[in-house]
Every structure is written in structure tokens, then in C-alpha cells.
Amino acid sequence: MVSQICLNLMKDNARKIINSNSLLQKNYNCFFLGFKRRFLSKISPLYVQDIPLPSFVLSKKIKQKQIPERPGLLACKKGMTSVWTEDGKRIPVTVLQVDRLQVIDIRTKKKNGYDAIQVGVGSRNPRNISRAMLGHFARAKVPPKSKVVEFRIKEPLKSLELGTQLFVNHFQEGAFVDIRGKSIGKGFSGVMKRYLIYLLWNFHGLPASHGVSISHRSPGSTGQSQDPGRVFPGKKMAGRMGGKNVTVQNVPIIKIDNENGLILVKGPVPGPDKGYVTIRDAIKKTQPNLLG
């Protein structure tokens, strides 16, 4: 009983302090709720009611899980080139080609538990496809595709049906997109090569001379003294480099070629040439209304 009274007093005081101080509003979720879970649950076994989250915390969590309103495109990376503006400025671009991209399946919350659009690009020999996938393509009345991906969407779109073909005018010049692809695999690499891009963990190696014999590119000491006497999990070490999904955000579209199905985006894109990447509306940038 006493612990319950103390809990109610702490709730009231916490709400008053939070409402009067905007800085504490940001730290409320990480400090007070953590104190509640670790301390109050131990002194009061009868305490089972969770403290409700403030509205600003709930709205922040919802924004972190933004789902685009429409699907993206699946494109093949062709390589890099350069374009010039009217004032003579050179812009490096990556050429992405969208080849016979069609809707293969439509996922709904009622049937599948979520809303999504499944698309396929290119073409493939039917002899190299399993019977299950051949039946999947036959139900959509589309030829076999070389690559299939799924795009989560916020709500179902009535304008898209099975077999609908998507073109590069799905986007417009000047819009910002998020591009996701699998980076080029480098195989087993040492620490100096593997973590060169991370400035905080840039292994510079040992001296080239003066007492060093065979450990010029070694990571050096990986542990501590007798306490704790072990190597912490997540320690940066040699291992497989590349071959992971990488997303580049807020990439501007420089030019769109509707006749050849090409999209020119600024800068590099993850993955090798002839590899597939997904293109979606940028989540962190305001987009023009392309649904209306």
C-alpha cells in the first residue's frame, strides 16, 4: 500500500516537472521509464501497471517507422558517367535502367497481414525457374522475371493491378530518392582495409621500421588487462568485407529518359554494374504529390 502511494506521488511530480521543462521531455523516456523498470518493480511486486508514454514520445516513435505511400522501382545499375549543366558544371551520375517492370502480386492486411506490392523486372529463361515461381508468374499473367522484390506501402492502391507495368516516369526530375543495393564483396580483409572508411576506428598499423618485424598491418592489442580479462563482443577485427545491403539516402534525380527507361541519379550507388537496386521516395525529404 505504501509503495503504491509513493508511486502515485512520483507520477504526479514527474508530470508536473515534464510539462514545465522541455529538456526533461526529451529525457523522460530514457531516464524515468528506465528507473521505473529497474527499481519500482523490485520494491513493489504488486506493481504491474505501465506508466503511459507522453504524446510527444508516441508521435516520435511513429515517425521513426514511416512507410512510403507508394511502391518504388527495381532497376539495373549500368555504370557511371557525367553530365554538364548549362553553366558548365560537371555532375557525376549513375545510370539506372528499368526494364519491363511489372506488378506480380499485391499483399493486403486482410490476407497477408500487411500491405505491399511485389514487382519483377527483366526476363529469364523458364527452364531456370522453379515450378512454384512459374505458377506465381502465371497467376499474374506476366512472363518470368529475372529479379523479384517487394515494397511495403502504407495503404493499398486501387490504381495498381496484377500485370501493371511501371515506368521511369514514376519519379520526376529533381525529386529525392533512397537507393538500396548490395555492396561489392571484398572477401576476407584485414582491419586496415575493412575499417578505413570509419574515422573513429581507423587502424593506422604499426611503424614501418624500428622494432617491428612482421606486424606492420596487425590490429595490435584487442583486449584489456586481467580485469575484465576478455575481448568485448563487437570488437573490430579482420573478417568478410562487403556483400551487405547498403542504403544511400536523399539522392537527387538529375535526368529521366522515358524512351530508354533510364534514370540518372547524382553520385555513386552501392553494388556492382549489372546489379539490381531498389529506388524509393526519400523518407527524410519532402516529396511532391505524385499520387494525385
C-alpha atoms as a PDB file:
ATOM      1  CA  MET A   1       0.000   0.000   0.000  1.00  0.00           C
ATOM      2  CA  VAL A   2       2.796   2.398   0.912  1.00  0.00           C
ATOM      3  CA  SER A   3       4.671   1.657  -2.285  1.00  0.00           C
ATOM      4  CA  GLN A   4       1.543   2.308  -4.352  1.00  0.00           C
ATOM      5  CA  ILE A   5       1.066   5.718  -2.686  1.00  0.00           C
ATOM      6  CA  CYS A   6       4.707   6.602  -3.339  1.00  0.00           C
ATOM      7  CA  LEU A   7       4.291   5.546  -6.950  1.00  0.00           C
ATOM      8  CA  ASN A   8       1.272   7.817  -7.443  1.00  0.00           C
ATOM      9  CA  LEU A   9       3.154  10.758  -5.916  1.00  0.00           C
ATOM     10  CA  MET A  10       6.109  10.130  -8.221  1.00  0.00           C
ATOM     11  CA  LYS A  11       3.794  10.039 -11.243  1.00  0.00           C
ATOM     12  CA  ASP A  12       2.194  13.391 -10.350  1.00  0.00           C
ATOM     13  CA  ASN A  13       5.520  15.061  -9.650  1.00  0.00           C
ATOM     14  CA  ALA A  14       7.024  13.689 -12.848  1.00  0.00           C
ATOM     15  CA  ARG A  15       4.164  15.027 -14.982  1.00  0.00           C
ATOM     16  CA  LYS A  16       4.458  18.497 -13.407  1.00  0.00           C
ATOM     17  CA  ILE A  17       8.197  18.635 -13.970  1.00  0.00           C
ATOM     18  CA  ILE A  18       7.950  17.335 -17.539  1.00  0.00           C
ATOM     19  CA  ASN A  19       5.262  19.846 -18.506  1.00  0.00           C
ATOM     20  CA  SER A  20       7.352  22.748 -17.174  1.00  0.00           C
ATOM     21  CA  ASN A  21      10.667  21.733 -18.731  1.00  0.00           C
ATOM     22  CA  SER A  22      11.052  20.874 -22.424  1.00  0.00           C
ATOM     23  CA  LEU A  23      14.524  19.396 -21.880  1.00  0.00           C
ATOM     24  CA  LEU A  24      13.172  16.801 -19.478  1.00  0.00           C
ATOM     25  CA  GLN A  25      10.540  15.845 -22.044  1.00  0.00           C
ATOM     26  CA  LYS A  26      13.276  14.509 -24.309  1.00  0.00           C
ATOM     27  CA  ASN A  27      14.947  12.587 -21.476  1.00  0.00           C
ATOM     28  CA  TYR A  28      11.710  11.271 -19.945  1.00  0.00           C
ATOM     29  CA  ASN A  29      11.566   8.047 -21.919  1.00  0.00           C
ATOM     30  CA  CYS A  30      15.184   7.030 -21.322  1.00  0.00           C
ATOM     31  CA  PHE A  31      15.511   8.104 -17.642  1.00  0.00           C
ATOM     32  CA  PHE A  32      12.226   7.856 -15.769  1.00  0.00           C
ATOM     33  CA  LEU A  33      10.870   4.779 -17.534  1.00  0.00           C
ATOM     34  CA  GLY A  34      14.201   3.013 -17.091  1.00  0.00           C
ATOM     35  CA  PHE A  35      14.120   3.869 -13.372  1.00  0.00           C
ATOM     36  CA  LYS A  36      10.570   2.519 -13.194  1.00  0.00           C
ATOM     37  CA  ARG A  37      11.500  -0.819 -14.754  1.00  0.00           C
ATOM     38  CA  ARG A  38      14.648  -1.414 -12.715  1.00  0.00           C
ATOM     39  CA  PHE A  39      13.721  -0.065  -9.280  1.00  0.00           C
ATOM     40  CA  LEU A  40       9.967   0.076  -8.750  1.00  0.00           C
ATOM     41  CA  SER A  41       9.412  -3.463  -9.980  1.00  0.00           C
ATOM     42  CA  LYS A  42      11.798  -4.727  -7.283  1.00  0.00           C
ATOM     43  CA  ILE A  43      10.377  -2.853  -4.276  1.00  0.00           C
ATOM     44  CA  SER A  44       6.755  -3.497  -5.238  1.00  0.00           C
ATOM     45  CA  PRO A  45       5.901  -6.996  -6.505  1.00  0.00           C
ATOM     46  CA  LEU A  46       2.288  -5.879  -6.944  1.00  0.00           C
ATOM     47  CA  TYR A  47       3.329  -3.171  -9.407  1.00  0.00           C
ATOM     48  CA  VAL A  48       2.195  -4.308 -12.850  1.00  0.00           C
ATOM     49  CA  GLN A  49       0.707  -1.159 -14.397  1.00  0.00           C
ATOM     50  CA  ASP A  50       2.856   0.520 -17.034  1.00  0.00           C
ATOM     51  CA  ILE A  51       3.271   4.267 -16.995  1.00  0.00           C
ATOM     52  CA  PRO A  52       1.683   5.640 -20.196  1.00  0.00           C
ATOM     53  CA  LEU A  53       4.018   7.305 -22.665  1.00  0.00           C
ATOM     54  CA  PRO A  54       3.518  11.036 -23.312  1.00  0.00           C
ATOM     55  CA  SER A  55       2.111  12.089 -26.653  1.00  0.00           C
ATOM     56  CA  PHE A  56       5.424  13.531 -27.891  1.00  0.00           C
ATOM     57  CA  VAL A  57       7.141  10.161 -27.311  1.00  0.00           C
ATOM     58  CA  LEU A  58       4.427   8.255 -29.197  1.00  0.00           C
ATOM     59  CA  SER A  59       4.498  10.648 -32.157  1.00  0.00           C
ATOM     60  CA  LYS A  60       8.293  10.338 -32.340  1.00  0.00           C
ATOM     61  CA  LYS A  61       8.098   6.532 -32.415  1.00  0.00           C
ATOM     62  CA  ILE A  62       5.507   6.630 -35.179  1.00  0.00           C
ATOM     63  CA  LYS A  63       7.689   8.917 -37.305  1.00  0.00           C
ATOM     64  CA  GLN A  64      10.624   6.540 -36.939  1.00  0.00           C
ATOM     65  CA  LYS A  65       8.623   3.813 -38.707  1.00  0.00           C
ATOM     66  CA  GLN A  66       7.471   5.760 -41.733  1.00  0.00           C
ATOM     67  CA  ILE A  67       6.207   3.647 -44.623  1.00  0.00           C
ATOM     68  CA  PRO A  68       6.002   5.218 -48.098  1.00  0.00           C
ATOM     69  CA  GLU A  69       2.593   5.693 -49.633  1.00  0.00           C
ATOM     70  CA  ARG A  70       3.517   4.075 -52.939  1.00  0.00           C
ATOM     71  CA  PRO A  71       5.917   1.397 -54.184  1.00  0.00           C
ATOM     72  CA  GLY A  72       9.311   2.084 -55.699  1.00  0.00           C
ATOM     73  CA  LEU A  73      11.143   0.829 -58.762  1.00  0.00           C
ATOM     74  CA  LEU A  74      13.568  -2.032 -59.301  1.00  0.00           C
ATOM     75  CA  ALA A  75      16.406  -1.010 -61.604  1.00  0.00           C
ATOM     76  CA  CYS A  76      19.623  -2.425 -63.004  1.00  0.00           C
ATOM     77  CA  LYS A  77      22.827  -0.470 -62.453  1.00  0.00           C
ATOM     78  CA  LYS A  78      24.560   0.213 -65.778  1.00  0.00           C
ATOM     79  CA  GLY A  79      27.536   2.273 -64.668  1.00  0.00           C
ATOM     80  CA  MET A  80      28.638   5.855 -64.078  1.00  0.00           C
ATOM     81  CA  THR A  81      29.116   8.806 -66.393  1.00  0.00           C
ATOM     82  CA  SER A  82      28.998  12.597 -66.256  1.00  0.00           C
ATOM     83  CA  VAL A  83      26.549  15.265 -67.340  1.00  0.00           C
ATOM     84  CA  TRP A  84      27.091  19.000 -67.623  1.00  0.00           C
ATOM     85  CA  THR A  85      24.788  21.819 -66.687  1.00  0.00           C
ATOM     86  CA  GLU A  86      24.176  24.904 -68.813  1.00  0.00           C
ATOM     87  CA  ASP A  87      26.761  26.876 -66.860  1.00  0.00           C
ATOM     88  CA  GLY A  88      29.433  24.199 -67.473  1.00  0.00           C
ATOM     89  CA  LYS A  89      29.286  22.436 -64.108  1.00  0.00           C
ATOM     90  CA  ARG A  90      30.168  18.727 -64.227  1.00  0.00           C
ATOM     91  CA  ILE A  91      27.928  16.329 -62.288  1.00  0.00           C
ATOM     92  CA  PRO A  92      28.869  12.641 -61.815  1.00  0.00           C
ATOM     93  CA  VAL A  93      25.813  10.419 -62.246  1.00  0.00           C
ATOM     94  CA  THR A  94      24.909   6.742 -62.089  1.00  0.00           C
ATOM     95  CA  VAL A  95      22.768   5.283 -64.872  1.00  0.00           C
ATOM     96  CA  LEU A  96      19.915   3.025 -63.718  1.00  0.00           C
ATOM     97  CA  GLN A  97      17.724   1.124 -66.190  1.00  0.00           C
ATOM     98  CA  VAL A  98      14.159  -0.039 -65.547  1.00  0.00           C
ATOM     99  CA  ASP A  99      13.391  -2.937 -67.913  1.00  0.00           C
ATOM    100  CA  ARG A 100       9.841  -4.365 -68.197  1.00  0.00           C
ATOM    101  CA  LEU A 101       8.946  -3.795 -64.556  1.00  0.00           C
ATOM    102  CA  GLN A 102       5.520  -5.281 -63.761  1.00  0.00           C
ATOM    103  CA  VAL A 103       3.352  -5.882 -60.702  1.00  0.00           C
ATOM    104  CA  ILE A 104       3.403  -9.577 -59.801  1.00  0.00           C
ATOM    105  CA  ASP A 105       1.462  -9.734 -56.543  1.00  0.00           C
ATOM    106  CA  ILE A 106      -0.496  -7.451 -54.214  1.00  0.00           C
ATOM    107  CA  ARG A 107      -0.276  -8.126 -50.479  1.00  0.00           C
ATOM    108  CA  THR A 108      -3.111  -6.942 -48.222  1.00  0.00           C
ATOM    109  CA  LYS A 109      -3.598  -6.749 -44.475  1.00  0.00           C
ATOM    110  CA  LYS A 110      -6.691  -8.928 -44.659  1.00  0.00           C
ATOM    111  CA  LYS A 111      -4.903 -11.797 -46.403  1.00  0.00           C
ATOM    112  CA  ASN A 112      -1.211 -11.370 -45.550  1.00  0.00           C
ATOM    113  CA  GLY A 113      -1.209  -9.106 -42.501  1.00  0.00           C
ATOM    114  CA  TYR A 114       0.465  -6.152 -44.251  1.00  0.00           C
ATOM    115  CA  ASP A 115       0.159  -4.025 -47.387  1.00  0.00           C
ATOM    116  CA  ALA A 116       2.830  -4.434 -50.052  1.00  0.00           C
ATOM    117  CA  ILE A 117       3.382  -4.521 -53.801  1.00  0.00           C
ATOM    118  CA  GLN A 118       5.532  -7.256 -55.361  1.00  0.00           C
ATOM    119  CA  VAL A 119       7.226  -6.380 -58.643  1.00  0.00           C
ATOM    120  CA  GLY A 120       9.524  -8.150 -61.092  1.00  0.00           C
ATOM    121  CA  VAL A 121      11.973  -6.812 -63.650  1.00  0.00           C
ATOM    122  CA  GLY A 122      13.660  -8.120 -66.797  1.00  0.00           C
ATOM    123  CA  SER A 123      13.178 -11.594 -68.247  1.00  0.00           C
ATOM    124  CA  ARG A 124      14.511 -15.067 -67.565  1.00  0.00           C
ATOM    125  CA  ASN A 125      14.557 -18.453 -69.236  1.00  0.00           C
ATOM    126  CA  PRO A 126      11.644 -20.558 -67.869  1.00  0.00           C
ATOM    127  CA  ARG A 127      13.948 -23.594 -67.710  1.00  0.00           C
ATOM    128  CA  ASN A 128      15.926 -21.911 -64.926  1.00  0.00           C
ATOM    129  CA  ILE A 129      12.893 -21.167 -62.736  1.00  0.00           C
ATOM    130  CA  SER A 130      11.171 -23.458 -60.258  1.00  0.00           C
ATOM    131  CA  ARG A 131       7.604 -24.650 -60.809  1.00  0.00           C
ATOM    132  CA  ALA A 132       6.390 -22.651 -57.831  1.00  0.00           C
ATOM    133  CA  MET A 133       7.689 -19.387 -59.296  1.00  0.00           C
ATOM    134  CA  LEU A 134       6.363 -20.286 -62.757  1.00  0.00           C
ATOM    135  CA  GLY A 135       2.915 -20.685 -61.240  1.00  0.00           C
ATOM    136  CA  HIS A 136       3.360 -17.405 -59.393  1.00  0.00           C
ATOM    137  CA  PHE A 137       4.122 -15.593 -62.654  1.00  0.00           C
ATOM    138  CA  ALA A 138       1.286 -17.382 -64.462  1.00  0.00           C
ATOM    139  CA  ARG A 139      -1.285 -16.192 -61.903  1.00  0.00           C
ATOM    140  CA  ALA A 140      -0.198 -12.610 -62.565  1.00  0.00           C
ATOM    141  CA  LYS A 141      -0.185 -13.252 -66.344  1.00  0.00           C
ATOM    142  CA  VAL A 142       3.350 -11.925 -66.722  1.00  0.00           C
ATOM    143  CA  PRO A 143       6.449 -13.554 -68.267  1.00  0.00           C
ATOM    144  CA  PRO A 144       9.141 -14.944 -65.940  1.00  0.00           C
ATOM    145  CA  LYS A 145      11.237 -12.212 -64.352  1.00  0.00           C
ATOM    146  CA  SER A 146      14.921 -12.215 -63.504  1.00  0.00           C
ATOM    147  CA  LYS A 147      14.510 -10.364 -60.196  1.00  0.00           C
ATOM    148  CA  VAL A 148      11.563 -10.018 -57.806  1.00  0.00           C
ATOM    149  CA  VAL A 149      11.271  -7.662 -54.827  1.00  0.00           C
ATOM    150  CA  GLU A 150       8.530  -6.477 -52.502  1.00  0.00           C
ATOM    151  CA  PHE A 151       7.760  -2.882 -51.483  1.00  0.00           C
ATOM    152  CA  ARG A 152       5.865  -2.162 -48.273  1.00  0.00           C
ATOM    153  CA  ILE A 153       3.235   0.574 -48.597  1.00  0.00           C
ATOM    154  CA  LYS A 154       1.104   2.405 -46.068  1.00  0.00           C
ATOM    155  CA  GLU A 155      -2.286   1.737 -47.694  1.00  0.00           C
ATOM    156  CA  PRO A 156      -3.443  -0.349 -50.680  1.00  0.00           C
ATOM    157  CA  LEU A 157      -3.533   1.435 -54.041  1.00  0.00           C
ATOM    158  CA  LYS A 158      -6.539   0.871 -56.286  1.00  0.00           C
ATOM    159  CA  SER A 159      -4.686   2.121 -59.360  1.00  0.00           C
ATOM    160  CA  LEU A 160      -2.278  -0.849 -59.379  1.00  0.00           C
ATOM    161  CA  GLU A 161      -3.417  -4.262 -60.592  1.00  0.00           C
ATOM    162  CA  LEU A 162      -1.660  -7.506 -61.443  1.00  0.00           C
ATOM    163  CA  GLY A 163       0.392  -7.099 -64.594  1.00  0.00           C
ATOM    164  CA  THR A 164       0.536  -3.302 -64.409  1.00  0.00           C
ATOM    165  CA  GLN A 165       3.786  -2.032 -65.884  1.00  0.00           C
ATOM    166  CA  LEU A 166       5.731   0.684 -64.070  1.00  0.00           C
ATOM    167  CA  PHE A 167       7.875   3.149 -65.980  1.00  0.00           C
ATOM    168  CA  VAL A 168      10.621   5.602 -65.063  1.00  0.00           C
ATOM    169  CA  ASN A 169       8.108   8.473 -65.054  1.00  0.00           C
ATOM    170  CA  HIS A 170       7.069   7.001 -61.713  1.00  0.00           C
ATOM    171  CA  PHE A 171       9.542   9.635 -60.464  1.00  0.00           C
ATOM    172  CA  GLN A 172      10.311  13.116 -61.723  1.00  0.00           C
ATOM    173  CA  GLU A 173      13.486  15.107 -62.224  1.00  0.00           C
ATOM    174  CA  GLY A 174      14.650  16.944 -59.128  1.00  0.00           C
ATOM    175  CA  ALA A 175      12.976  14.548 -56.691  1.00  0.00           C
ATOM    176  CA  PHE A 176      14.932  12.879 -53.886  1.00  0.00           C
ATOM    177  CA  VAL A 177      15.054   9.089 -53.596  1.00  0.00           C
ATOM    178  CA  ASP A 178      16.541   6.420 -51.335  1.00  0.00           C
ATOM    179  CA  ILE A 179      18.531   3.770 -53.232  1.00  0.00           C
ATOM    180  CA  ARG A 180      19.300   0.383 -51.705  1.00  0.00           C
ATOM    181  CA  GLY A 181      21.641  -2.264 -53.086  1.00  0.00           C
ATOM    182  CA  LYS A 182      24.140  -4.916 -52.074  1.00  0.00           C
ATOM    183  CA  SER A 183      27.686  -3.606 -51.828  1.00  0.00           C
ATOM    184  CA  ILE A 184      30.537  -5.245 -53.729  1.00  0.00           C
ATOM    185  CA  GLY A 185      32.055  -8.137 -51.782  1.00  0.00           C
ATOM    186  CA  LYS A 186      35.759  -7.787 -50.994  1.00  0.00           C
ATOM    187  CA  GLY A 187      36.318 -11.144 -49.330  1.00  0.00           C
ATOM    188  CA  PHE A 188      38.311 -11.638 -46.136  1.00  0.00           C
ATOM    189  CA  SER A 189      40.058  -8.341 -45.333  1.00  0.00           C
ATOM    190  CA  GLY A 190      42.302  -7.040 -42.606  1.00  0.00           C
ATOM    191  CA  VAL A 191      41.381  -4.313 -40.158  1.00  0.00           C
ATOM    192  CA  MET A 192      43.225  -1.544 -42.018  1.00  0.00           C
ATOM    193  CA  LYS A 193      41.243  -2.134 -45.199  1.00  0.00           C
ATOM    194  CA  ARG A 194      37.963  -3.179 -43.616  1.00  0.00           C
ATOM    195  CA  TYR A 195      37.562  -0.134 -41.360  1.00  0.00           C
ATOM    196  CA  LEU A 196      39.317   2.502 -43.424  1.00  0.00           C
ATOM    197  CA  ILE A 197      36.067   4.408 -44.040  1.00  0.00           C
ATOM    198  CA  TYR A 198      35.253   4.653 -40.344  1.00  0.00           C
ATOM    199  CA  LEU A 199      37.286   7.559 -38.985  1.00  0.00           C
ATOM    200  CA  LEU A 200      36.629   6.591 -35.374  1.00  0.00           C
ATOM    201  CA  TRP A 201      38.118   3.103 -35.868  1.00  0.00           C
ATOM    202  CA  ASN A 202      40.787   3.884 -38.452  1.00  0.00           C
ATOM    203  CA  PHE A 203      43.544   1.343 -37.840  1.00  0.00           C
ATOM    204  CA  HIS A 204      46.801   3.009 -38.931  1.00  0.00           C
ATOM    205  CA  GLY A 205      49.004  -0.030 -38.404  1.00  0.00           C
ATOM    206  CA  LEU A 206      52.327  -0.314 -36.614  1.00  0.00           C
ATOM    207  CA  PRO A 207      55.549   1.544 -37.519  1.00  0.00           C
ATOM    208  CA  ALA A 208      57.222   0.602 -40.782  1.00  0.00           C
ATOM    209  CA  SER A 209      60.568   0.086 -39.032  1.00  0.00           C
ATOM    210  CA  HIS A 210      62.299   0.497 -35.652  1.00  0.00           C
ATOM    211  CA  GLY A 211      61.477  -2.698 -33.850  1.00  0.00           C
ATOM    212  CA  VAL A 212      58.550  -4.007 -35.938  1.00  0.00           C
ATOM    213  CA  SER A 213      59.190  -7.205 -37.869  1.00  0.00           C
ATOM    214  CA  ILE A 214      56.018  -8.940 -39.111  1.00  0.00           C
ATOM    215  CA  SER A 215      53.149  -6.945 -37.585  1.00  0.00           C
ATOM    216  CA  HIS A 216      53.004  -3.881 -39.817  1.00  0.00           C
ATOM    217  CA  ARG A 217      49.252  -4.144 -40.550  1.00  0.00           C
ATOM    218  CA  SER A 218      48.082  -6.036 -37.474  1.00  0.00           C
ATOM    219  CA  PRO A 219      45.339  -4.589 -35.217  1.00  0.00           C
ATOM    220  CA  GLY A 220      47.549  -4.655 -32.139  1.00  0.00           C
ATOM    221  CA  SER A 221      46.104  -5.414 -28.720  1.00  0.00           C
ATOM    222  CA  THR A 222      42.439  -6.460 -28.754  1.00  0.00           C
ATOM    223  CA  GLY A 223      41.841  -6.989 -25.045  1.00  0.00           C
ATOM    224  CA  GLN A 224      42.438  -5.365 -21.681  1.00  0.00           C
ATOM    225  CA  SER A 225      44.313  -6.332 -18.552  1.00  0.00           C
ATOM    226  CA  GLN A 226      43.394  -9.186 -16.216  1.00  0.00           C
ATOM    227  CA  ASP A 227      40.196  -7.308 -15.405  1.00  0.00           C
ATOM    228  CA  PRO A 228      37.962  -7.940 -17.388  1.00  0.00           C
ATOM    229  CA  GLY A 229      40.421 -10.359 -18.993  1.00  0.00           C
ATOM    230  CA  ARG A 230      38.463 -10.843 -22.195  1.00  0.00           C
ATOM    231  CA  VAL A 231      37.714  -9.282 -25.570  1.00  0.00           C
ATOM    232  CA  PHE A 232      34.449  -7.361 -25.672  1.00  0.00           C
ATOM    233  CA  PRO A 233      31.823  -8.502 -28.209  1.00  0.00           C
ATOM    234  CA  GLY A 234      31.745  -6.337 -31.318  1.00  0.00           C
ATOM    235  CA  LYS A 235      35.463  -5.620 -31.316  1.00  0.00           C
ATOM    236  CA  LYS A 236      36.624  -4.506 -34.762  1.00  0.00           C
ATOM    237  CA  MET A 237      38.655  -7.347 -36.256  1.00  0.00           C
ATOM    238  CA  ALA A 238      39.544  -8.820 -39.617  1.00  0.00           C
ATOM    239  CA  GLY A 239      36.738 -10.568 -41.469  1.00  0.00           C
ATOM    240  CA  ARG A 240      34.495 -10.618 -44.505  1.00  0.00           C
ATOM    241  CA  MET A 241      34.146  -7.197 -46.098  1.00  0.00           C
ATOM    242  CA  GLY A 242      31.281  -6.009 -48.299  1.00  0.00           C
ATOM    243  CA  GLY A 243      28.369  -8.025 -49.622  1.00  0.00           C
ATOM    244  CA  LYS A 244      25.863  -6.240 -47.359  1.00  0.00           C
ATOM    245  CA  ASN A 245      22.750  -4.220 -48.067  1.00  0.00           C
ATOM    246  CA  VAL A 246      23.592  -0.522 -48.164  1.00  0.00           C
ATOM    247  CA  THR A 247      21.166   2.401 -48.487  1.00  0.00           C
ATOM    248  CA  VAL A 248      22.095   5.861 -49.738  1.00  0.00           C
ATOM    249  CA  GLN A 249      19.524   8.474 -48.784  1.00  0.00           C
ATOM    250  CA  ASN A 250      18.311  11.733 -50.302  1.00  0.00           C
ATOM    251  CA  VAL A 251      19.833  11.135 -53.742  1.00  0.00           C
ATOM    252  CA  PRO A 252      18.617  13.726 -56.292  1.00  0.00           C
ATOM    253  CA  ILE A 253      17.393  12.607 -59.711  1.00  0.00           C
ATOM    254  CA  ILE A 254      19.277  14.535 -62.403  1.00  0.00           C
ATOM    255  CA  LYS A 255      17.544  13.293 -65.558  1.00  0.00           C
ATOM    256  CA  ILE A 256      14.887  10.804 -66.683  1.00  0.00           C
ATOM    257  CA  ASP A 257      14.837   9.182 -70.150  1.00  0.00           C
ATOM    258  CA  ASN A 258      11.363   7.755 -70.750  1.00  0.00           C
ATOM    259  CA  GLU A 259      12.174   6.280 -74.163  1.00  0.00           C
ATOM    260  CA  ASN A 260      15.074   4.130 -72.967  1.00  0.00           C
ATOM    261  CA  GLY A 261      13.845   3.613 -69.400  1.00  0.00           C
ATOM    262  CA  LEU A 262      16.857   5.311 -67.805  1.00  0.00           C
ATOM    263  CA  ILE A 263      17.186   7.241 -64.556  1.00  0.00           C
ATOM    264  CA  LEU A 264      20.291   9.330 -63.901  1.00  0.00           C
ATOM    265  CA  VAL A 265      20.951   9.950 -60.210  1.00  0.00           C
ATOM    266  CA  LYS A 266      23.695  12.063 -58.701  1.00  0.00           C
ATOM    267  CA  GLY A 267      26.783  10.340 -57.317  1.00  0.00           C
ATOM    268  CA  PRO A 268      27.604   6.665 -56.769  1.00  0.00           C
ATOM    269  CA  VAL A 269      25.184   3.850 -55.983  1.00  0.00           C
ATOM    270  CA  PRO A 270      26.035   0.710 -53.964  1.00  0.00           C
ATOM    271  CA  GLY A 271      26.594  -2.520 -55.836  1.00  0.00           C
ATOM    272  CA  PRO A 272      28.415  -3.691 -58.967  1.00  0.00           C
ATOM    273  CA  ASP A 273      27.491  -2.953 -62.557  1.00  0.00           C
ATOM    274  CA  LYS A 274      24.596  -5.125 -63.790  1.00  0.00           C
ATOM    275  CA  GLY A 275      23.441  -5.441 -60.182  1.00  0.00           C
ATOM    276  CA  TYR A 276      19.902  -4.608 -59.076  1.00  0.00           C
ATOM    277  CA  VAL A 277      18.954  -1.741 -56.780  1.00  0.00           C
ATOM    278  CA  THR A 278      15.641  -0.519 -55.387  1.00  0.00           C
ATOM    279  CA  ILE A 279      14.559   3.110 -55.743  1.00  0.00           C
ATOM    280  CA  ARG A 280      12.016   4.597 -53.328  1.00  0.00           C
ATOM    281  CA  ASP A 281      10.774   8.027 -52.352  1.00  0.00           C
ATOM    282  CA  ALA A 282      13.111   9.593 -49.807  1.00  0.00           C
ATOM    283  CA  ILE A 283      11.670   9.352 -46.304  1.00  0.00           C
ATOM    284  CA  LYS A 284      13.667  12.258 -44.880  1.00  0.00           C
ATOM    285  CA  LYS A 285      12.856  14.697 -47.678  1.00  0.00           C
ATOM    286  CA  THR A 286       9.562  16.355 -48.594  1.00  0.00           C
ATOM    287  CA  GLN A 287       8.274  14.891 -51.848  1.00  0.00           C
ATOM    288  CA  PRO A 288       5.874  16.401 -54.384  1.00  0.00           C
ATOM    289  CA  ASN A 289       2.419  14.869 -54.613  1.00  0.00           C
ATOM    290  CA  LEU A 290       2.830  12.176 -57.276  1.00  0.00           C
ATOM    291  CA  LEU A 291      -0.296  10.175 -56.398  1.00  0.00           C
ATOM    292  CA  GLY A 292      -2.884  12.697 -57.479  1.00  0.00           C
END
